[in-house]
């Protein structure tokens, strides 16, 4: 029975991380343009993530109960697990912030360039917390060497550092997406980055610009407009 619970817990983790990766990649594919509008997640994506979170909470609680039955000090003597429970609770609270705050803001379909700095920071903090805590809690689930060997303060400190790094990364992404106009006469690092990503590589360019045609027994090169 415990093995099935672990398997179901793993499936929930895979579903959540897979859907998170898909939405993040979709976001990154948009931010390299201009006048970027970031839509909220689709109803299907929300249902998958909500279902995965529910599955993780249910199987996680049952695993803790099963561990307590085997060892009375299973939870009290495992500060890593205590820290993970705190972080999962924070993740659940942040899910409410995302649903009732961030996603409602995104549903207005306003270009990122028109967001206020406070709105960008709020979205970056919430999205950074969601991404970092999903990944970190998944890591804690397999970090067996940390059982009974790490203090809860260190577990939470590492989580805070990861959140800070992820939130800063999300803030940079939003700054890139906030470029509302085409490159100006004096391009900055954002314009250069968008140009590098959007322009095809040199070999690909050469292939597109050149066409090999057979004329009788000879071969000529013709540049394609």
N, C-alpha and C. Protein backbone atom coordinates (compact mmCIF):
# COMPACT_ATOMS: atom_id res chain seq x y z
N UNK A 1 0.82 -1.20 0.00
CA UNK A 1 0.00 0.00 0.00
C UNK A 1 0.87 1.27 0.00
N UNK A 2 1.91 1.25 0.83
CA UNK A 2 2.79 2.41 0.89
C UNK A 2 3.49 2.65 -0.43
N UNK A 3 3.85 1.56 -1.12
CA UNK A 3 4.50 1.69 -2.41
C UNK A 3 3.58 2.36 -3.43
N UNK A 4 2.28 2.02 -3.40
CA UNK A 4 1.31 2.64 -4.30
C UNK A 4 1.14 4.13 -3.98
N UNK A 5 1.17 4.47 -2.70
CA UNK A 5 1.09 5.89 -2.31
C UNK A 5 2.29 6.68 -2.83
N UNK A 6 3.48 6.09 -2.71
CA UNK A 6 4.68 6.75 -3.22
C UNK A 6 4.59 6.93 -4.73
N UNK A 7 4.07 5.90 -5.41
CA UNK A 7 3.94 5.98 -6.87
C UNK A 7 2.95 7.07 -7.27
N UNK A 8 1.81 7.15 -6.58
CA UNK A 8 0.82 8.18 -6.87
C UNK A 8 1.39 9.57 -6.57
N UNK A 9 2.16 9.68 -5.51
CA UNK A 9 2.80 10.95 -5.16
C UNK A 9 3.77 11.38 -6.26
N UNK A 10 4.51 10.41 -6.79
CA UNK A 10 5.44 10.70 -7.87
C UNK A 10 4.71 11.13 -9.13
N UNK A 11 3.58 10.49 -9.44
CA UNK A 11 2.79 10.89 -10.61
C UNK A 11 2.28 12.33 -10.47
N UNK A 12 1.81 12.67 -9.28
CA UNK A 12 1.36 14.05 -9.07
C UNK A 12 2.47 15.06 -9.26
N UNK A 13 3.68 14.71 -8.79
CA UNK A 13 4.83 15.60 -8.97
C UNK A 13 5.17 15.77 -10.45
N UNK A 14 5.15 14.67 -11.19
CA UNK A 14 5.46 14.73 -12.63
C UNK A 14 4.43 15.57 -13.38
N UNK A 15 3.16 15.40 -13.05
CA UNK A 15 2.11 16.18 -13.70
C UNK A 15 2.31 17.67 -13.45
N UNK A 16 2.55 18.02 -12.19
CA UNK A 16 2.69 19.43 -11.84
C UNK A 16 3.92 20.05 -12.50
N UNK A 17 5.07 19.38 -12.42
CA UNK A 17 6.29 19.92 -13.00
C UNK A 17 6.21 19.98 -14.52
N UNK A 18 5.59 18.98 -15.14
CA UNK A 18 5.44 18.99 -16.59
C UNK A 18 4.58 20.13 -17.07
N UNK A 19 3.46 20.37 -16.40
CA UNK A 19 2.59 21.47 -16.80
C UNK A 19 3.24 22.81 -16.53
N UNK A 20 3.99 22.92 -15.43
CA UNK A 20 4.70 24.16 -15.13
C UNK A 20 5.75 24.44 -16.20
N UNK A 21 6.49 23.42 -16.61
CA UNK A 21 7.51 23.60 -17.65
C UNK A 21 6.87 24.03 -18.97
N UNK A 22 5.71 23.45 -19.30
CA UNK A 22 5.05 23.80 -20.55
C UNK A 22 4.60 25.25 -20.56
N UNK A 23 4.02 25.71 -19.45
CA UNK A 23 3.56 27.10 -19.39
C UNK A 23 4.75 28.07 -19.38
N UNK A 24 5.84 27.69 -18.72
CA UNK A 24 7.02 28.57 -18.69
C UNK A 24 7.66 28.68 -20.07
N UNK A 25 7.74 27.57 -20.80
CA UNK A 25 8.30 27.61 -22.15
C UNK A 25 7.43 28.43 -23.08
N UNK A 26 6.12 28.34 -22.90
CA UNK A 26 5.22 29.15 -23.71
C UNK A 26 5.43 30.63 -23.43
N UNK A 27 5.64 30.95 -22.17
CA UNK A 27 5.90 32.34 -21.81
C UNK A 27 7.21 32.83 -22.42
N UNK A 28 8.26 32.02 -22.33
CA UNK A 28 9.55 32.43 -22.86
C UNK A 28 9.51 32.62 -24.37
N UNK A 29 8.65 31.85 -25.05
CA UNK A 29 8.54 32.00 -26.50
C UNK A 29 7.88 33.33 -26.89
N UNK A 30 7.17 33.93 -25.95
CA UNK A 30 6.47 35.19 -26.25
C UNK A 30 7.29 36.43 -25.92
N UNK A 31 8.13 36.35 -24.88
CA UNK A 31 8.75 37.56 -24.37
C UNK A 31 9.79 38.14 -25.30
N UNK A 32 10.24 37.40 -26.31
CA UNK A 32 11.26 37.91 -27.21
C UNK A 32 10.68 38.76 -28.34
N UNK A 33 9.38 38.98 -28.33
CA UNK A 33 8.77 39.87 -29.31
C UNK A 33 8.59 41.26 -28.71
N UNK A 34 7.77 42.06 -29.38
CA UNK A 34 7.45 43.40 -28.91
C UNK A 34 5.95 43.50 -28.68
N UNK A 35 5.57 44.43 -27.82
CA UNK A 35 4.16 44.59 -27.40
C UNK A 35 3.62 43.25 -26.88
N UNK A 36 4.37 42.66 -25.97
CA UNK A 36 4.06 41.32 -25.46
C UNK A 36 2.84 41.36 -24.56
N UNK A 37 1.91 40.43 -24.79
CA UNK A 37 0.75 40.22 -23.93
C UNK A 37 0.83 38.80 -23.39
N UNK A 38 0.81 38.65 -22.08
CA UNK A 38 0.91 37.34 -21.44
C UNK A 38 -0.49 36.90 -21.01
N UNK A 39 -1.05 35.89 -21.65
CA UNK A 39 -2.39 35.43 -21.26
C UNK A 39 -2.33 34.57 -20.01
N UNK A 40 -3.43 34.43 -19.29
CA UNK A 40 -3.45 33.52 -18.14
C UNK A 40 -3.44 32.07 -18.60
N UNK A 41 -3.14 31.14 -17.71
CA UNK A 41 -3.19 29.72 -18.08
C UNK A 41 -4.58 29.31 -18.55
N UNK A 42 -4.63 28.34 -19.42
CA UNK A 42 -5.92 27.85 -19.91
C UNK A 42 -6.64 27.07 -18.81
N UNK A 43 -7.93 26.84 -19.02
CA UNK A 43 -8.71 26.09 -18.03
C UNK A 43 -8.17 24.68 -17.87
N UNK A 44 -7.72 24.08 -18.97
CA UNK A 44 -7.14 22.74 -18.89
C UNK A 44 -5.89 22.72 -18.03
N UNK A 45 -5.01 23.70 -18.22
CA UNK A 45 -3.79 23.77 -17.42
C UNK A 45 -4.10 23.95 -15.94
N UNK A 46 -5.08 24.80 -15.64
CA UNK A 46 -5.46 25.01 -14.24
C UNK A 46 -6.01 23.74 -13.61
N UNK A 47 -6.81 23.01 -14.37
CA UNK A 47 -7.39 21.78 -13.84
C UNK A 47 -6.32 20.73 -13.58
N UNK A 48 -5.35 20.63 -14.50
CA UNK A 48 -4.28 19.65 -14.32
C UNK A 48 -3.44 19.99 -13.08
N UNK A 49 -3.06 21.26 -12.94
CA UNK A 49 -2.24 21.66 -11.80
C UNK A 49 -3.01 21.52 -10.49
N UNK A 50 -4.30 21.89 -10.50
CA UNK A 50 -5.12 21.75 -9.29
C UNK A 50 -5.27 20.28 -8.91
N UNK A 51 -5.51 19.43 -9.91
CA UNK A 51 -5.62 18.00 -9.65
C UNK A 51 -4.32 17.42 -9.13
N UNK A 52 -3.20 17.86 -9.70
CA UNK A 52 -1.89 17.37 -9.25
C UNK A 52 -1.62 17.80 -7.81
N UNK A 53 -1.97 19.06 -7.49
CA UNK A 53 -1.77 19.54 -6.13
C UNK A 53 -2.64 18.77 -5.14
N UNK A 54 -3.89 18.52 -5.52
CA UNK A 54 -4.76 17.74 -4.66
C UNK A 54 -4.24 16.33 -4.44
N UNK A 55 -3.74 15.71 -5.50
CA UNK A 55 -3.17 14.37 -5.39
C UNK A 55 -1.95 14.36 -4.49
N UNK A 56 -1.10 15.37 -4.62
CA UNK A 56 0.10 15.46 -3.79
C UNK A 56 -0.25 15.65 -2.32
N UNK A 57 -1.23 16.51 -2.05
CA UNK A 57 -1.62 16.74 -0.66
C UNK A 57 -2.21 15.48 -0.03
N UNK A 58 -3.07 14.79 -0.80
CA UNK A 58 -3.72 13.60 -0.26
C UNK A 58 -2.70 12.48 -0.01
N UNK A 59 -1.88 12.18 -1.01
CA UNK A 59 -0.90 11.09 -0.85
C UNK A 59 0.18 11.46 0.15
N UNK A 60 0.56 12.73 0.18
CA UNK A 60 1.56 13.16 1.16
C UNK A 60 1.08 12.99 2.59
N UNK A 61 -0.18 13.39 2.82
CA UNK A 61 -0.75 13.23 4.17
C UNK A 61 -0.82 11.75 4.56
N UNK A 62 -1.21 10.90 3.62
CA UNK A 62 -1.30 9.47 3.93
C UNK A 62 0.08 8.86 4.16
N UNK A 63 1.08 9.35 3.46
CA UNK A 63 2.44 8.85 3.69
C UNK A 63 2.95 9.25 5.07
N UNK A 64 2.62 10.47 5.50
CA UNK A 64 3.02 10.91 6.83
C UNK A 64 2.32 10.07 7.90
N UNK A 65 1.03 9.81 7.70
CA UNK A 65 0.28 8.98 8.66
C UNK A 65 0.86 7.57 8.73
N UNK A 66 1.18 7.01 7.56
CA UNK A 66 1.77 5.68 7.53
C UNK A 66 3.13 5.66 8.21
N UNK A 67 3.93 6.72 8.02
CA UNK A 67 5.23 6.80 8.67
C UNK A 67 5.11 6.92 10.18
N UNK A 68 4.10 7.67 10.63
CA UNK A 68 3.87 7.80 12.07
C UNK A 68 3.48 6.47 12.70
N UNK A 69 2.74 5.67 11.97
CA UNK A 69 2.34 4.37 12.50
C UNK A 69 3.53 3.42 12.62
N UNK A 70 4.49 3.56 11.68
CA UNK A 70 5.68 2.72 11.75
C UNK A 70 6.65 3.21 12.81
N UNK A 71 6.79 4.56 12.90
CA UNK A 71 7.74 5.15 13.85
C UNK A 71 7.10 6.36 14.49
N UNK A 72 6.91 6.36 15.78
CA UNK A 72 6.26 7.49 16.45
C UNK A 72 7.00 8.82 16.28
N UNK A 73 8.32 8.76 16.05
CA UNK A 73 9.10 9.99 15.88
C UNK A 73 9.32 10.33 14.41
N UNK A 74 8.51 9.76 13.53
CA UNK A 74 8.71 9.94 12.09
C UNK A 74 8.67 11.42 11.71
N UNK A 75 7.72 12.17 12.25
CA UNK A 75 7.59 13.59 11.92
C UNK A 75 8.40 14.46 12.87
N UNK A 76 8.32 14.17 14.17
CA UNK A 76 9.01 15.00 15.15
C UNK A 76 10.53 14.95 14.96
N UNK A 77 11.05 13.79 14.60
CA UNK A 77 12.49 13.64 14.45
C UNK A 77 13.03 13.96 13.08
N UNK A 78 12.17 14.41 12.17
CA UNK A 78 12.60 14.69 10.79
C UNK A 78 12.31 16.16 10.47
N UNK A 79 13.30 17.01 10.71
CA UNK A 79 13.09 18.45 10.48
C UNK A 79 13.03 18.79 8.99
N UNK A 80 13.63 17.97 8.16
CA UNK A 80 13.49 18.19 6.72
C UNK A 80 12.04 18.06 6.30
N UNK A 81 11.37 17.04 6.82
CA UNK A 81 9.96 16.83 6.50
C UNK A 81 9.11 17.96 7.06
N UNK A 82 9.45 18.44 8.25
CA UNK A 82 8.72 19.57 8.83
C UNK A 82 8.85 20.82 7.94
N UNK A 83 10.08 21.05 7.46
CA UNK A 83 10.29 22.18 6.57
C UNK A 83 9.52 22.03 5.27
N UNK A 84 9.47 20.82 4.75
CA UNK A 84 8.74 20.58 3.52
C UNK A 84 7.25 20.86 3.71
N UNK A 85 6.71 20.47 4.85
CA UNK A 85 5.29 20.72 5.12
C UNK A 85 5.02 22.22 5.17
N UNK A 86 5.93 22.99 5.79
CA UNK A 86 5.78 24.44 5.82
C UNK A 86 5.80 25.02 4.41
N UNK A 87 6.71 24.55 3.59
CA UNK A 87 6.82 25.06 2.21
C UNK A 87 5.61 24.67 1.37
N UNK A 88 5.07 23.47 1.58
CA UNK A 88 3.87 23.06 0.85
C UNK A 88 2.69 23.95 1.25
N UNK A 89 2.60 24.28 2.54
CA UNK A 89 1.55 25.20 2.97
C UNK A 89 1.70 26.56 2.32
N UNK A 90 2.94 27.05 2.22
CA UNK A 90 3.20 28.31 1.55
C UNK A 90 2.82 28.23 0.07
N UNK A 91 3.09 27.09 -0.54
CA UNK A 91 2.76 26.87 -1.94
C UNK A 91 1.25 26.91 -2.15
N UNK A 92 0.50 26.35 -1.22
CA UNK A 92 -0.97 26.37 -1.31
C UNK A 92 -1.51 27.80 -1.17
N UNK A 93 -0.95 28.56 -0.23
CA UNK A 93 -1.37 29.95 -0.08
C UNK A 93 -1.05 30.76 -1.34
N UNK A 94 0.11 30.51 -1.91
CA UNK A 94 0.49 31.22 -3.13
C UNK A 94 -0.41 30.84 -4.30
N UNK A 95 -0.93 29.61 -4.30
CA UNK A 95 -1.87 29.20 -5.35
C UNK A 95 -3.11 30.08 -5.32
N UNK A 96 -3.57 30.45 -4.13
CA UNK A 96 -4.72 31.35 -4.01
C UNK A 96 -4.37 32.75 -4.54
N UNK A 97 -3.14 33.20 -4.23
CA UNK A 97 -2.70 34.50 -4.74
C UNK A 97 -2.64 34.49 -6.27
N UNK A 98 -2.14 33.40 -6.83
CA UNK A 98 -2.09 33.29 -8.29
C UNK A 98 -3.48 33.30 -8.89
N UNK A 99 -4.38 32.52 -8.31
CA UNK A 99 -5.72 32.36 -8.89
C UNK A 99 -6.54 33.65 -8.79
N UNK A 100 -6.51 34.28 -7.61
CA UNK A 100 -7.37 35.44 -7.39
C UNK A 100 -6.68 36.78 -7.63
N UNK A 101 -5.38 36.75 -7.83
CA UNK A 101 -4.66 37.99 -8.08
C UNK A 101 -3.96 38.03 -9.41
N UNK A 102 -2.94 37.19 -9.59
CA UNK A 102 -2.11 37.25 -10.79
C UNK A 102 -2.90 36.89 -12.04
N UNK A 103 -3.66 35.79 -11.99
CA UNK A 103 -4.38 35.34 -13.18
C UNK A 103 -5.48 36.33 -13.58
N UNK A 104 -6.11 36.97 -12.60
CA UNK A 104 -7.11 37.99 -12.93
C UNK A 104 -6.45 39.19 -13.60
N UNK A 105 -5.26 39.52 -13.14
CA UNK A 105 -4.52 40.61 -13.79
C UNK A 105 -4.16 40.24 -15.22
N UNK A 106 -3.69 39.02 -15.44
CA UNK A 106 -3.32 38.58 -16.78
C UNK A 106 -4.54 38.50 -17.70
N UNK A 107 -5.72 38.21 -17.15
CA UNK A 107 -6.91 38.06 -17.98
C UNK A 107 -7.34 39.37 -18.62
N UNK A 108 -6.82 40.49 -18.16
CA UNK A 108 -7.13 41.78 -18.79
C UNK A 108 -6.43 41.94 -20.13
N UNK A 109 -5.44 41.08 -20.39
CA UNK A 109 -4.73 41.05 -21.68
C UNK A 109 -4.12 42.42 -22.02
N UNK A 110 -3.53 43.04 -21.05
CA UNK A 110 -2.82 44.30 -21.27
C UNK A 110 -1.36 44.00 -21.58
N UNK A 111 -0.76 44.74 -22.51
CA UNK A 111 0.67 44.54 -22.79
C UNK A 111 1.51 44.73 -21.53
N UNK A 112 2.57 43.96 -21.43
CA UNK A 112 3.44 44.06 -20.25
C UNK A 112 4.03 45.45 -20.14
N UNK A 113 4.21 46.12 -21.27
CA UNK A 113 4.77 47.48 -21.27
C UNK A 113 3.89 48.45 -20.49
N UNK A 114 2.61 48.15 -20.35
CA UNK A 114 1.68 49.03 -19.64
C UNK A 114 1.49 48.64 -18.18
N UNK A 115 2.18 47.59 -17.74
CA UNK A 115 2.11 47.23 -16.32
C UNK A 115 2.94 48.22 -15.51
N UNK A 116 2.48 48.49 -14.31
CA UNK A 116 3.27 49.33 -13.41
C UNK A 116 4.40 48.51 -12.81
N UNK A 117 5.47 49.17 -12.33
CA UNK A 117 6.56 48.41 -11.68
C UNK A 117 6.06 47.56 -10.52
N UNK A 118 5.07 48.04 -9.79
CA UNK A 118 4.53 47.26 -8.68
C UNK A 118 3.84 45.99 -9.18
N UNK A 119 3.13 46.10 -10.30
CA UNK A 119 2.46 44.92 -10.86
C UNK A 119 3.48 43.90 -11.35
N UNK A 120 4.55 44.35 -11.98
CA UNK A 120 5.59 43.42 -12.44
C UNK A 120 6.25 42.73 -11.26
N UNK A 121 6.52 43.48 -10.20
CA UNK A 121 7.15 42.87 -9.03
C UNK A 121 6.23 41.85 -8.37
N UNK A 122 4.93 42.17 -8.29
CA UNK A 122 3.98 41.23 -7.70
C UNK A 122 3.89 39.93 -8.48
N UNK A 123 3.82 40.04 -9.81
CA UNK A 123 3.77 38.85 -10.64
C UNK A 123 5.06 38.05 -10.52
N UNK A 124 6.20 38.74 -10.53
CA UNK A 124 7.50 38.05 -10.43
C UNK A 124 7.64 37.32 -9.10
N UNK A 125 7.21 37.94 -8.01
CA UNK A 125 7.32 37.30 -6.70
C UNK A 125 6.45 36.06 -6.61
N UNK A 126 5.21 36.15 -7.09
CA UNK A 126 4.28 35.02 -6.99
C UNK A 126 4.69 33.89 -7.92
N UNK A 127 5.02 34.21 -9.16
CA UNK A 127 5.45 33.19 -10.11
C UNK A 127 6.78 32.57 -9.67
N UNK A 128 7.71 33.40 -9.18
CA UNK A 128 8.98 32.88 -8.69
C UNK A 128 8.80 31.95 -7.51
N UNK A 129 7.87 32.28 -6.62
CA UNK A 129 7.60 31.40 -5.48
C UNK A 129 7.02 30.07 -5.94
N UNK A 130 6.08 30.13 -6.88
CA UNK A 130 5.46 28.90 -7.37
C UNK A 130 6.49 27.98 -8.03
N UNK A 131 7.27 28.52 -8.95
CA UNK A 131 8.25 27.69 -9.66
C UNK A 131 9.33 27.13 -8.73
N UNK A 132 9.86 27.98 -7.86
CA UNK A 132 10.95 27.54 -6.99
C UNK A 132 10.46 26.51 -5.97
N UNK A 133 9.28 26.71 -5.39
CA UNK A 133 8.80 25.78 -4.37
C UNK A 133 8.38 24.44 -4.95
N UNK A 134 7.79 24.44 -6.16
CA UNK A 134 7.47 23.15 -6.80
C UNK A 134 8.74 22.34 -6.99
N UNK A 135 9.78 22.98 -7.52
CA UNK A 135 11.03 22.26 -7.78
C UNK A 135 11.72 21.84 -6.48
N UNK A 136 11.73 22.75 -5.51
CA UNK A 136 12.43 22.46 -4.26
C UNK A 136 11.72 21.37 -3.46
N UNK A 137 10.39 21.43 -3.40
CA UNK A 137 9.65 20.39 -2.67
C UNK A 137 9.82 19.02 -3.34
N UNK A 138 9.89 19.01 -4.67
CA UNK A 138 10.15 17.75 -5.37
C UNK A 138 11.54 17.23 -5.00
N UNK A 139 12.51 18.13 -4.89
CA UNK A 139 13.87 17.72 -4.49
C UNK A 139 13.88 17.18 -3.06
N UNK A 140 13.17 17.85 -2.16
CA UNK A 140 13.12 17.41 -0.77
C UNK A 140 12.51 16.01 -0.66
N UNK A 141 11.62 15.68 -1.58
CA UNK A 141 11.00 14.37 -1.55
C UNK A 141 11.99 13.24 -1.79
N UNK A 142 13.07 13.52 -2.51
CA UNK A 142 14.05 12.47 -2.80
C UNK A 142 15.35 12.67 -2.02
N UNK A 143 15.43 13.74 -1.23
CA UNK A 143 16.66 14.04 -0.48
C UNK A 143 16.69 13.21 0.80
N UNK A 144 16.74 11.90 0.67
CA UNK A 144 16.75 11.01 1.83
C UNK A 144 17.96 11.23 2.74
N UNK A 145 19.16 11.54 2.21
CA UNK A 145 20.29 11.78 3.13
C UNK A 145 20.05 12.94 4.10
N UNK A 146 19.09 13.83 3.80
CA UNK A 146 18.80 14.95 4.69
C UNK A 146 17.89 14.55 5.85
N UNK A 147 17.29 13.37 5.79
CA UNK A 147 16.42 12.94 6.87
C UNK A 147 17.22 12.85 8.18
N UNK A 148 16.69 13.46 9.24
CA UNK A 148 17.34 13.44 10.56
C UNK A 148 18.76 14.02 10.56
N UNK A 149 19.11 14.79 9.51
CA UNK A 149 20.47 15.33 9.49
C UNK A 149 20.53 16.81 9.14
N UNK A 150 19.39 17.46 8.94
CA UNK A 150 19.39 18.87 8.58
C UNK A 150 18.32 19.57 9.41
N UNK A 151 18.61 20.80 9.81
CA UNK A 151 17.68 21.55 10.62
C UNK A 151 16.66 22.28 9.75
N UNK A 152 15.48 22.50 10.32
CA UNK A 152 14.41 23.13 9.56
C UNK A 152 14.78 24.54 9.13
N UNK A 153 15.58 25.24 9.93
CA UNK A 153 15.97 26.60 9.56
C UNK A 153 16.77 26.61 8.26
N UNK A 154 17.64 25.64 8.09
CA UNK A 154 18.43 25.57 6.86
C UNK A 154 17.55 25.19 5.67
N UNK A 155 16.60 24.31 5.89
CA UNK A 155 15.66 23.94 4.81
C UNK A 155 14.91 25.17 4.33
N UNK A 156 14.40 25.97 5.26
CA UNK A 156 13.64 27.16 4.90
C UNK A 156 14.55 28.23 4.29
N UNK A 157 15.78 28.34 4.79
CA UNK A 157 16.71 29.33 4.24
C UNK A 157 17.03 29.02 2.78
N UNK A 158 17.27 27.75 2.48
CA UNK A 158 17.54 27.36 1.09
C UNK A 158 16.33 27.67 0.21
N UNK A 159 15.13 27.40 0.73
CA UNK A 159 13.92 27.73 -0.01
C UNK A 159 13.80 29.22 -0.29
N UNK A 160 14.15 30.04 0.71
CA UNK A 160 14.09 31.50 0.52
C UNK A 160 15.08 31.96 -0.53
N UNK A 161 16.28 31.41 -0.51
CA UNK A 161 17.30 31.77 -1.51
C UNK A 161 16.82 31.39 -2.92
N UNK A 162 16.27 30.19 -3.05
CA UNK A 162 15.77 29.75 -4.36
C UNK A 162 14.63 30.65 -4.83
N UNK A 163 13.74 31.02 -3.93
CA UNK A 163 12.64 31.93 -4.27
C UNK A 163 13.20 33.27 -4.77
N UNK A 164 14.19 33.80 -4.04
CA UNK A 164 14.77 35.09 -4.43
C UNK A 164 15.39 35.01 -5.83
N UNK A 165 16.14 33.96 -6.08
CA UNK A 165 16.78 33.80 -7.40
C UNK A 165 15.73 33.67 -8.49
N UNK A 166 14.71 32.84 -8.26
CA UNK A 166 13.68 32.63 -9.27
C UNK A 166 12.86 33.89 -9.50
N UNK A 167 12.56 34.64 -8.43
CA UNK A 167 11.81 35.88 -8.58
C UNK A 167 12.61 36.92 -9.35
N UNK A 168 13.91 37.00 -9.10
CA UNK A 168 14.76 37.93 -9.85
C UNK A 168 14.79 37.54 -11.33
N UNK A 169 14.86 36.23 -11.60
CA UNK A 169 14.83 35.78 -12.98
C UNK A 169 13.52 36.13 -13.66
N UNK A 170 12.40 35.95 -12.95
CA UNK A 170 11.10 36.31 -13.52
C UNK A 170 11.00 37.81 -13.75
N UNK A 171 11.61 38.59 -12.86
CA UNK A 171 11.57 40.06 -13.02
C UNK A 171 12.36 40.48 -14.26
N UNK A 172 13.48 39.82 -14.52
CA UNK A 172 14.27 40.12 -15.71
C UNK A 172 13.48 39.75 -16.97
N UNK A 173 12.80 38.60 -16.94
CA UNK A 173 11.99 38.17 -18.08
C UNK A 173 10.89 39.19 -18.36
N UNK A 174 10.24 39.69 -17.32
CA UNK A 174 9.18 40.69 -17.50
C UNK A 174 9.76 42.01 -18.01
N UNK A 175 10.97 42.33 -17.60
CA UNK A 175 11.61 43.54 -18.10
C UNK A 175 11.88 43.43 -19.60
N UNK A 176 12.30 42.23 -20.04
CA UNK A 176 12.50 42.00 -21.47
C UNK A 176 11.16 42.07 -22.21
N UNK A 177 10.12 41.49 -21.62
CA UNK A 177 8.80 41.49 -22.27
C UNK A 177 8.17 42.87 -22.30
N UNK A 178 8.61 43.76 -21.41
CA UNK A 178 8.00 45.09 -21.31
C UNK A 178 8.44 46.04 -22.41
N UNK A 179 9.39 45.61 -23.25
CA UNK A 179 9.82 46.48 -24.35
C UNK A 179 8.68 46.57 -25.35
N UNK A 180 8.03 47.73 -25.40
CA UNK A 180 6.83 47.86 -26.21
C UNK A 180 7.05 48.32 -27.63
N UNK A 181 8.23 48.81 -27.95
CA UNK A 181 8.48 49.33 -29.29
C UNK A 181 9.65 48.61 -29.94
N UNK A 182 9.76 48.80 -31.24
CA UNK A 182 10.88 48.23 -31.99
C UNK A 182 12.19 48.87 -31.55
N UNK A 183 13.34 48.26 -31.89
CA UNK A 183 14.62 48.83 -31.47
C UNK A 183 14.78 50.27 -31.90
N UNK A 184 15.30 51.07 -31.00
CA UNK A 184 15.53 52.47 -31.31
C UNK A 184 16.90 52.66 -31.97
N UNK A 185 17.25 53.90 -32.23
CA UNK A 185 18.51 54.16 -32.91
C UNK A 185 19.68 53.62 -32.11
N UNK A 186 19.62 53.76 -30.78
CA UNK A 186 20.68 53.26 -29.92
C UNK A 186 20.13 52.08 -29.13
N UNK A 187 20.39 50.88 -29.61
CA UNK A 187 19.84 49.67 -29.00
C UNK A 187 20.54 49.37 -27.68
N UNK A 188 19.77 48.89 -26.70
CA UNK A 188 20.35 48.47 -25.43
C UNK A 188 20.42 46.95 -25.39
N UNK A 189 20.70 46.38 -24.21
CA UNK A 189 20.90 44.94 -24.11
C UNK A 189 19.63 44.15 -24.40
N UNK A 190 18.47 44.75 -24.11
CA UNK A 190 17.21 44.06 -24.39
C UNK A 190 16.99 43.94 -25.89
N UNK A 191 17.23 45.04 -26.62
CA UNK A 191 17.08 45.00 -28.07
C UNK A 191 18.07 44.01 -28.69
N UNK A 192 19.31 44.01 -28.19
CA UNK A 192 20.31 43.09 -28.71
C UNK A 192 19.92 41.64 -28.45
N UNK A 193 19.39 41.37 -27.25
CA UNK A 193 18.97 40.01 -26.92
C UNK A 193 17.83 39.55 -27.82
N UNK A 194 16.84 40.42 -28.03
CA UNK A 194 15.73 40.06 -28.89
C UNK A 194 16.20 39.84 -30.33
N UNK A 195 17.16 40.66 -30.77
CA UNK A 195 17.68 40.51 -32.12
C UNK A 195 18.41 39.18 -32.30
N UNK A 196 19.21 38.80 -31.28
CA UNK A 196 19.96 37.54 -31.36
C UNK A 196 19.01 36.35 -31.41
N UNK A 197 17.96 36.38 -30.58
CA UNK A 197 17.03 35.26 -30.50
C UNK A 197 16.17 35.17 -31.74
N UNK A 198 15.72 36.31 -32.25
CA UNK A 198 14.77 36.30 -33.36
C UNK A 198 15.43 36.09 -34.71
N UNK A 199 16.69 36.50 -34.88
CA UNK A 199 17.35 36.33 -36.16
C UNK A 199 17.82 34.90 -36.34
N UNK A 200 17.70 34.32 -37.53
CA UNK A 200 18.19 32.96 -37.77
C UNK A 200 19.70 32.92 -37.72
N UNK A 201 20.22 31.75 -37.46
CA UNK A 201 21.67 31.58 -37.42
C UNK A 201 22.26 31.76 -38.81
N UNK A 202 23.56 32.00 -38.87
CA UNK A 202 24.22 32.26 -40.14
C UNK A 202 24.12 31.10 -41.12
N UNK A 203 24.38 29.83 -40.73
CA UNK A 203 24.25 28.73 -41.69
C UNK A 203 22.83 28.62 -42.23
N UNK A 204 21.84 28.79 -41.34
CA UNK A 204 20.46 28.71 -41.79
C UNK A 204 20.15 29.84 -42.75
N UNK A 205 20.68 31.03 -42.44
CA UNK A 205 20.47 32.18 -43.29
C UNK A 205 21.05 31.95 -44.68
N UNK A 206 22.26 31.44 -44.70
CA UNK A 206 22.91 31.19 -45.98
C UNK A 206 22.12 30.19 -46.80
N UNK A 207 21.55 29.20 -46.13
CA UNK A 207 20.76 28.20 -46.84
C UNK A 207 19.50 28.82 -47.41
N UNK A 208 18.88 29.73 -46.66
CA UNK A 208 17.65 30.35 -47.12
C UNK A 208 17.91 31.34 -48.25
N UNK A 209 19.08 31.99 -48.20
CA UNK A 209 19.36 33.02 -49.18
C UNK A 209 19.91 32.45 -50.49
N UNK A 210 20.27 31.17 -50.48
CA UNK A 210 20.90 30.58 -51.65
C UNK A 210 20.13 29.38 -52.14
N UNK A 211 19.92 29.31 -53.43
CA UNK A 211 19.18 28.20 -54.02
C UNK A 211 20.02 27.59 -55.13
N UNK A 212 20.20 26.28 -55.10
CA UNK A 212 20.99 25.59 -56.11
C UNK A 212 20.05 25.16 -57.22
N UNK A 213 20.35 25.62 -58.45
CA UNK A 213 19.52 25.30 -59.60
C UNK A 213 20.36 24.57 -60.64
N UNK A 214 19.76 23.64 -61.27
CA UNK A 214 20.43 22.91 -62.35
C UNK A 214 20.06 23.55 -63.67
N UNK A 215 21.07 23.97 -64.44
CA UNK A 215 20.85 24.54 -65.76
C UNK A 215 21.62 23.69 -66.78
N UNK A 216 20.95 22.80 -67.40
CA UNK A 216 21.61 21.91 -68.34
C UNK A 216 22.52 20.97 -67.57
N UNK A 217 23.83 21.08 -67.91
CA UNK A 217 24.81 20.23 -67.23
C UNK A 217 25.57 21.00 -66.15
N UNK A 218 25.22 22.25 -65.96
CA UNK A 218 25.93 23.04 -64.97
C UNK A 218 25.09 23.32 -63.74
N UNK A 219 25.72 23.88 -62.79
CA UNK A 219 25.05 24.24 -61.55
C UNK A 219 25.34 25.69 -61.25
N UNK A 220 24.32 26.47 -60.94
CA UNK A 220 24.49 27.88 -60.61
C UNK A 220 23.84 28.17 -59.28
N UNK A 221 24.27 29.24 -58.67
CA UNK A 221 23.74 29.69 -57.39
C UNK A 221 22.91 30.93 -57.60
N UNK A 222 21.73 30.94 -57.06
CA UNK A 222 20.85 32.08 -57.20
C UNK A 222 20.40 32.54 -55.83
N UNK A 223 20.54 33.83 -55.55
CA UNK A 223 20.16 34.39 -54.26
C UNK A 223 18.65 34.57 -54.22
N UNK A 224 18.05 34.12 -53.13
CA UNK A 224 16.61 34.23 -52.96
C UNK A 224 16.29 35.50 -52.22
N UNK A 225 15.37 36.29 -52.66
CA UNK A 225 15.00 37.53 -52.03
C UNK A 225 14.23 37.25 -50.76
